[in-house]
Structures are given as C-alpha cells and as structure tokens.
C-alpha cells in the first residue's frame, strides 16, 4: 500500500486529478 503512495508521488505534480483516482482505486482494491 505504501509503495503505491511512493509510486504516485512522482506523478503527483504531473496530474493531481489522476493521482486522486489512482489513490481511490488503490484504496478500494485493498
């Protein structure tokens, strides 16, 4: 789970709307 956050950290500045969807998807999958 933490790995997902670290992974998305690099994309955070790239697209915030995208990271939010990715986070929600990851949270729902766990």
Protein backbone atom coordinates (compact mmCIF):
# COMPACT_ATOMS: atom_id res chain seq x y z
CA UNK A 1 0.00 0.00 0.00
CA UNK A 2 2.75 2.45 0.95
CA UNK A 3 4.58 1.57 -2.25
CA UNK A 4 1.59 2.88 -4.18
CA UNK A 5 1.84 6.26 -2.47
CA UNK A 6 5.57 6.49 -3.15
CA UNK A 7 4.98 5.46 -6.75
CA UNK A 8 2.26 8.06 -7.24
CA UNK A 9 4.36 10.70 -5.51
CA UNK A 10 6.30 11.14 -8.75
CA UNK A 11 3.10 11.66 -10.70
CA UNK A 12 1.55 13.97 -8.12
CA UNK A 13 2.99 17.09 -9.74
CA UNK A 14 2.12 15.73 -13.17
CA UNK A 15 -1.62 15.36 -12.69
CA UNK A 16 -3.45 15.72 -9.40
CA UNK A 17 -6.82 14.53 -10.72
CA UNK A 18 -5.14 11.38 -11.99
CA UNK A 19 -3.41 10.65 -8.69
CA UNK A 20 -6.66 11.07 -6.80
CA UNK A 21 -8.39 8.49 -8.99
CA UNK A 22 -5.40 6.16 -8.62
CA UNK A 23 -5.47 6.55 -4.85
CA UNK A 24 -9.20 5.89 -4.68
CA UNK A 25 -8.76 2.81 -6.87
CA UNK A 26 -5.93 1.55 -4.68
CA UNK A 27 -7.90 2.17 -1.50
CA UNK A 28 -10.90 0.33 -2.92
CA UNK A 29 -8.77 -2.61 -4.00
CA UNK A 30 -7.21 -3.05 -0.55
